[in-house]
Amino acid sequence: MPTPVIVAFWMFFGAVGFAAILVIVRELSQDLHVFVLNFWRNIFAVAIFLPWVFRVGTAGLRTKRMPLFALRSLIMVTSSIMLFYSAVLMPIGEATAITFTAPLFTTLLAALLLKEQVGWRRAMALAVGFCGVLIMLRPGVEAVGLGAAMAIGASVVFAFVVIMGKQLAASESPELVILMLAIWNIPVSAVPASFVWDMPSGNEWWLLAALGVAANMNMYGIQRAISAGDASLSQVFDFVRLPLAVIGAWWAFSEVPDPWMWAGAAVIFAATVYTTRRESRLARARPPANPQP
């Protein structure tokens, strides 16, 4: 399959997890602090990977890049907490829309740190997609509150998570990258959680387990996408998170986005569809890297 199609599939897979994260966090935040939610999310994320750990054994966990794993975890916990706060303080659809500023930061970092070539057509697609986000948010018409500031901050920080994931993908398997992130996240997230600690009860345990599954889906999808293609290409398809998040918020909390959000979404999808079709054609027309005589 063409690389853009593979990247699009895995980004959609991760987007499903992302939408589920915001819905579950909003539901559980009524009784549990977001610091506590983030801690238990990581506990269950590691637990889900235990069958894989038993299968590969200790040999499958060896890595020479542990410092980068630790640094990425610290950044990831910061981004997650800010994202959780945004989902609690503002409508989920709007919080998701704001996070679409992340592709701009990721593309910039990919060019600066990874020396990736970002063609003008892909850059234009990202710019058009960002215009769609501006249509939804209408800056200057509505005040930017704490929730919006948290969402923007989460986007900036998460751009570094994506770039570091791309660096790790060069030598590590996607499973190891996700597992090590969750393992390191446990002690890092335990520190802020200890100040507001509260034990879950009843059905909260099931939702926390689902939160761990959703978190793994989100990060695994992103990791597989950036392993298949470059980081800037994966961000073009990241916009699919919006309709999934909107549907989840409508189903769980009866949140209905205004027409401006749908207008912006139409612009975003137009840019995404164009990029998918064009890069798929280019991939099919491109000659093999090592043609046989």
Protein backbone atom coordinates (compact mmCIF):
# COMPACT_ATOMS: atom_id res chain seq x y z
CA MET A 1 0.00 0.00 0.00
CA PRO A 2 1.19 3.58 -0.63
CA THR A 3 2.84 5.12 2.40
CA PRO A 4 0.30 7.99 2.72
CA VAL A 5 -2.55 5.46 2.96
CA ILE A 6 -0.75 3.50 5.68
CA VAL A 7 -0.04 6.71 7.59
CA ALA A 8 -3.67 7.81 7.23
CA PHE A 9 -4.93 4.47 8.60
CA TRP A 10 -2.76 4.57 11.70
CA MET A 11 -3.56 8.20 12.38
CA PHE A 12 -7.27 7.31 12.24
CA PHE A 13 -6.62 4.45 14.66
CA GLY A 14 -4.91 6.85 17.06
CA ALA A 15 -7.67 9.43 16.62
CA VAL A 16 -10.26 6.97 17.91
CA GLY A 17 -8.19 6.58 21.06
CA PHE A 18 -7.79 10.35 21.40
CA ALA A 19 -11.54 10.98 21.24
CA ALA A 20 -12.15 8.26 23.83
CA ILE A 21 -9.55 9.79 26.16
CA LEU A 22 -11.29 13.18 26.26
CA VAL A 23 -14.74 11.70 26.81
CA ILE A 24 -13.57 9.40 29.63
CA VAL A 25 -11.55 12.16 31.30
CA ARG A 26 -14.52 14.53 31.25
CA GLU A 27 -16.71 11.84 32.83
CA LEU A 28 -14.23 10.82 35.55
CA SER A 29 -13.12 14.37 36.37
CA GLN A 30 -16.34 14.89 38.31
CA ASP A 31 -14.91 12.78 41.14
CA LEU A 32 -11.17 12.35 40.44
CA HIS A 33 -8.49 14.99 39.87
CA VAL A 34 -6.82 15.02 36.45
CA PHE A 35 -3.47 14.30 38.14
CA VAL A 36 -4.92 11.07 39.52
CA LEU A 37 -6.53 10.21 36.19
CA ASN A 38 -3.21 10.61 34.43
CA PHE A 39 -1.48 8.32 36.93
CA TRP A 40 -4.00 5.50 36.62
CA ARG A 41 -4.06 5.90 32.85
CA ASN A 42 -0.39 4.97 32.83
CA ILE A 43 -0.84 2.05 35.24
CA PHE A 44 -3.45 0.43 33.00
CA ALA A 45 -1.47 1.28 29.86
CA VAL A 46 1.44 -0.77 31.20
CA ALA A 47 -0.86 -3.59 32.36
CA ILE A 48 -2.28 -3.96 28.85
CA PHE A 49 1.24 -4.54 27.51
CA LEU A 50 2.10 -7.34 29.96
CA PRO A 51 1.21 -10.17 27.52
CA TRP A 52 3.63 -8.67 25.01
CA VAL A 53 6.32 -8.37 27.71
CA PHE A 54 5.92 -12.05 28.64
CA ARG A 55 6.21 -13.01 24.97
CA VAL A 56 9.40 -11.06 24.15
CA GLY A 57 11.04 -11.47 27.55
CA THR A 58 13.71 -9.20 28.98
CA ALA A 59 15.66 -9.28 25.73
CA GLY A 60 12.85 -7.40 24.00
CA LEU A 61 13.07 -4.60 26.57
CA ARG A 62 16.74 -3.79 26.10
CA THR A 63 17.53 -0.36 24.73
CA LYS A 64 20.45 2.03 24.64
CA ARG A 65 18.22 5.09 24.44
CA MET A 66 16.83 5.16 27.96
CA PRO A 67 17.68 8.87 28.57
CA LEU A 68 15.59 9.87 25.55
CA PHE A 69 12.74 7.65 26.78
CA ALA A 70 12.86 9.37 30.19
CA LEU A 71 12.90 12.87 28.71
CA ARG A 72 10.03 12.03 26.36
CA SER A 73 8.01 10.74 29.31
CA LEU A 74 8.45 13.96 31.28
CA ILE A 75 7.27 15.97 28.28
CA MET A 76 4.38 13.58 27.62
CA VAL A 77 3.05 13.81 31.18
CA THR A 78 3.10 17.60 30.97
CA SER A 79 1.21 17.55 27.68
CA SER A 80 -1.34 15.02 28.96
CA ILE A 81 -2.16 17.01 32.09
CA MET A 82 -2.66 20.19 30.06
CA LEU A 83 -4.86 18.33 27.58
CA PHE A 84 -6.95 16.80 30.37
CA TYR A 85 -7.51 20.21 31.90
CA SER A 86 -8.64 21.61 28.54
CA ALA A 87 -11.18 18.78 28.13
CA VAL A 88 -12.62 19.58 31.56
CA LEU A 89 -12.69 23.37 31.22
CA MET A 90 -14.14 23.75 27.71
CA PRO A 91 -16.23 21.84 25.13
CA ILE A 92 -14.40 18.77 23.85
CA GLY A 93 -14.85 19.75 20.21
CA GLU A 94 -13.26 23.15 20.77
CA ALA A 95 -10.42 21.67 22.81
CA THR A 96 -9.72 19.23 19.99
CA ALA A 97 -9.84 22.01 17.40
CA ILE A 98 -7.23 24.01 19.27
CA THR A 99 -4.86 21.06 19.41
CA PHE A 100 -4.66 21.20 15.62
CA THR A 101 -2.06 23.89 16.02
CA ALA A 102 0.28 20.97 16.85
CA PRO A 103 0.98 20.09 13.18
CA LEU A 104 2.51 23.53 12.66
CA PHE A 105 4.89 23.05 15.57
CA THR A 106 5.62 19.43 14.59
CA THR A 107 6.34 20.32 10.97
CA LEU A 108 8.66 23.12 12.08
CA LEU A 109 10.50 20.85 14.50
CA ALA A 110 10.71 18.06 11.91
CA ALA A 111 12.40 20.44 9.50
CA LEU A 112 14.75 21.87 12.13
CA LEU A 113 15.64 18.75 14.14
CA LEU A 114 15.10 15.84 11.74
CA LYS A 115 16.07 17.69 8.55
CA GLU A 116 12.91 16.43 6.84
CA GLN A 117 12.02 17.90 3.48
CA VAL A 118 8.60 19.57 3.66
CA GLY A 119 7.40 20.29 0.13
CA TRP A 120 5.39 23.39 -0.69
CA ARG A 121 2.23 21.40 -1.43
CA ARG A 122 2.30 19.68 1.96
CA ALA A 123 3.08 22.98 3.65
CA MET A 124 0.11 24.55 1.86
CA ALA A 125 -2.14 21.69 2.98
CA LEU A 126 -1.09 22.29 6.59
CA ALA A 127 -1.64 26.03 6.21
CA VAL A 128 -5.11 25.52 4.75
CA GLY A 129 -5.94 23.10 7.55
CA PHE A 130 -4.83 25.64 10.12
CA CYS A 131 -7.06 28.25 8.46
CA GLY A 132 -9.92 25.85 9.07
CA VAL A 133 -9.00 25.81 12.76
CA LEU A 134 -9.04 29.62 12.83
CA ILE A 135 -12.51 29.60 11.28
CA MET A 136 -13.71 27.37 14.11
CA LEU A 137 -12.09 29.35 16.90
CA ARG A 138 -12.72 32.85 15.51
CA PRO A 139 -9.93 34.54 17.48
CA GLY A 140 -10.84 38.08 18.45
CA VAL A 141 -14.54 37.26 18.50
CA GLU A 142 -14.42 35.06 21.60
CA ALA A 143 -12.08 35.40 24.56
CA VAL A 144 -9.38 32.78 25.00
CA GLY A 145 -9.90 31.21 28.43
CA LEU A 146 -7.76 28.96 30.61
CA GLY A 147 -9.03 25.84 28.84
CA ALA A 148 -7.97 27.17 25.45
CA ALA A 149 -4.57 28.20 26.83
CA MET A 150 -4.11 24.68 28.21
CA ALA A 151 -4.99 23.15 24.83
CA ILE A 152 -2.51 25.39 23.03
CA GLY A 153 0.20 24.58 25.56
CA ALA A 154 -0.51 20.85 25.20
CA SER A 155 -0.11 21.18 21.42
CA VAL A 156 3.25 22.91 21.68
CA VAL A 157 4.60 20.36 24.15
CA PHE A 158 3.17 17.37 22.27
CA ALA A 159 5.05 18.42 19.14
CA PHE A 160 8.26 17.46 20.96
CA VAL A 161 6.70 14.09 21.89
CA VAL A 162 6.07 13.36 18.21
CA ILE A 163 9.56 14.38 17.15
CA MET A 164 11.20 12.27 19.87
CA GLY A 165 8.97 9.36 18.87
CA LYS A 166 10.27 9.67 15.33
CA GLN A 167 13.84 9.58 16.59
CA LEU A 168 13.15 6.46 18.68
CA ALA A 169 11.35 4.75 15.78
CA ALA A 170 14.64 4.63 13.91
CA SER A 171 16.01 1.98 16.29
CA GLU A 172 13.15 0.72 18.47
CA SER A 173 9.93 -1.20 17.78
CA PRO A 174 6.59 0.67 18.12
CA GLU A 175 5.61 -1.65 20.99
CA LEU A 176 8.76 -0.88 22.96
CA VAL A 177 8.40 2.86 22.35
CA ILE A 178 4.84 2.87 23.72
CA LEU A 179 5.61 0.55 26.62
CA MET A 180 8.65 2.50 27.78
CA LEU A 181 6.68 5.72 27.57
CA ALA A 182 3.99 4.28 29.85
CA ILE A 183 6.54 2.77 32.27
CA TRP A 184 8.41 6.03 32.67
CA ASN A 185 5.13 7.91 32.92
CA ILE A 186 4.18 6.06 36.12
CA PRO A 187 6.79 7.57 38.48
CA VAL A 188 6.65 10.94 36.70
CA SER A 189 2.84 11.19 36.97
CA ALA A 190 2.83 9.82 40.55
CA VAL A 191 4.50 12.99 41.85
CA PRO A 192 1.67 15.47 41.09
CA ALA A 193 -0.98 12.80 41.80
CA SER A 194 0.33 12.34 45.35
CA PHE A 195 -0.74 15.88 46.28
CA VAL A 196 -4.40 15.31 45.35
CA TRP A 197 -4.64 11.56 45.86
CA ASP A 198 -8.02 9.85 45.90
CA MET A 199 -8.79 6.17 45.29
CA PRO A 200 -11.23 5.27 42.51
CA SER A 201 -14.27 3.15 43.30
CA GLY A 202 -17.01 1.15 41.60
CA ASN A 203 -17.38 1.67 37.87
CA GLU A 204 -14.54 4.18 37.88
CA TRP A 205 -12.13 1.25 37.67
CA TRP A 206 -13.66 0.10 34.39
CA LEU A 207 -13.46 3.59 32.94
CA LEU A 208 -9.84 3.91 34.04
CA ALA A 209 -9.05 0.62 32.32
CA ALA A 210 -10.76 1.95 29.17
CA LEU A 211 -8.68 5.11 29.53
CA GLY A 212 -5.52 2.99 29.48
CA VAL A 213 -6.70 1.20 26.33
CA ALA A 214 -7.55 4.51 24.64
CA ALA A 215 -4.17 5.98 25.59
CA ASN A 216 -2.35 3.03 24.06
CA MET A 217 -4.45 3.27 20.91
CA ASN A 218 -3.66 6.96 20.59
CA MET A 219 0.09 6.64 21.04
CA TYR A 220 0.41 3.35 19.12
CA GLY A 221 -1.42 4.80 16.14
CA ILE A 222 0.82 7.86 16.12
CA GLN A 223 3.96 5.76 16.55
CA ARG A 224 3.07 3.41 13.70
CA ALA A 225 2.21 6.38 11.49
CA ILE A 226 5.49 8.18 12.06
CA SER A 227 7.36 4.88 11.63
CA ALA A 228 5.73 4.39 8.22
CA GLY A 229 6.23 7.97 7.01
CA ASP A 230 7.86 11.19 8.13
CA ALA A 231 6.51 13.18 11.06
CA SER A 232 5.20 16.09 9.01
CA LEU A 233 3.17 13.77 6.73
CA SER A 234 1.49 12.09 9.72
CA GLN A 235 0.32 15.46 11.00
CA VAL A 236 -1.58 16.17 7.78
CA PHE A 237 -3.93 13.29 8.62
CA ASP A 238 -4.19 14.23 12.29
CA PHE A 239 -7.26 16.38 11.55
CA VAL A 240 -9.50 13.29 11.59
CA ARG A 241 -9.53 13.62 15.38
CA LEU A 242 -12.03 16.46 15.16
CA PRO A 243 -15.16 14.67 13.89
CA LEU A 244 -14.46 11.70 16.12
CA ALA A 245 -14.12 13.92 19.19
CA VAL A 246 -17.26 15.86 18.26
CA ILE A 247 -19.25 12.64 17.85
CA GLY A 248 -18.00 11.36 21.20
CA ALA A 249 -18.89 14.61 22.99
CA TRP A 250 -22.35 14.66 21.41
CA TRP A 251 -22.99 11.03 22.39
CA ALA A 252 -21.74 11.36 25.98
CA PHE A 253 -22.58 14.95 26.93
CA SER A 254 -25.00 16.23 24.25
CA GLU A 255 -22.46 18.84 23.15
CA VAL A 256 -23.41 20.26 19.77
CA PRO A 257 -20.79 22.34 17.91
CA ASP A 258 -21.81 25.55 16.22
CA PRO A 259 -21.84 26.01 12.40
CA TRP A 260 -18.44 27.71 12.49
CA MET A 261 -16.84 24.48 13.67
CA TRP A 262 -18.35 22.52 10.78
CA ALA A 263 -17.25 25.20 8.30
CA GLY A 264 -13.72 24.96 9.56
CA ALA A 265 -13.89 21.16 9.48
CA ALA A 266 -14.89 21.27 5.80
CA VAL A 267 -11.76 23.30 5.00
CA ILE A 268 -9.62 20.87 6.98
CA PHE A 269 -11.00 17.80 5.25
CA ALA A 270 -10.58 19.36 1.82
CA ALA A 271 -6.88 19.86 2.51
CA THR A 272 -6.51 16.34 3.92
CA VAL A 273 -8.29 14.62 1.00
CA TYR A 274 -6.21 16.55 -1.53
CA THR A 275 -2.97 15.57 0.15
CA THR A 276 -3.98 11.90 0.46
CA ARG A 277 -4.93 11.58 -3.21
CA ARG A 278 -1.89 13.43 -4.53
CA GLU A 279 0.75 11.67 -2.44
CA SER A 280 -0.84 8.27 -3.13
CA ARG A 281 -0.50 8.92 -6.88
CA LEU A 282 3.10 10.02 -6.44
CA ALA A 283 3.91 6.90 -4.41
CA ARG A 284 2.47 4.62 -7.09
CA ALA A 285 4.34 6.44 -9.87
CA ARG A 286 7.67 6.51 -8.04
CA PRO A 287 10.15 3.85 -9.26
CA PRO A 288 11.43 1.23 -6.77
CA ALA A 289 14.35 2.28 -4.60
CA ASN A 290 16.45 -0.69 -5.76
CA PRO A 291 15.20 -1.79 -9.17
CA GLN A 292 16.22 -5.30 -10.22
CA PRO A 293 18.03 -5.75 -13.53
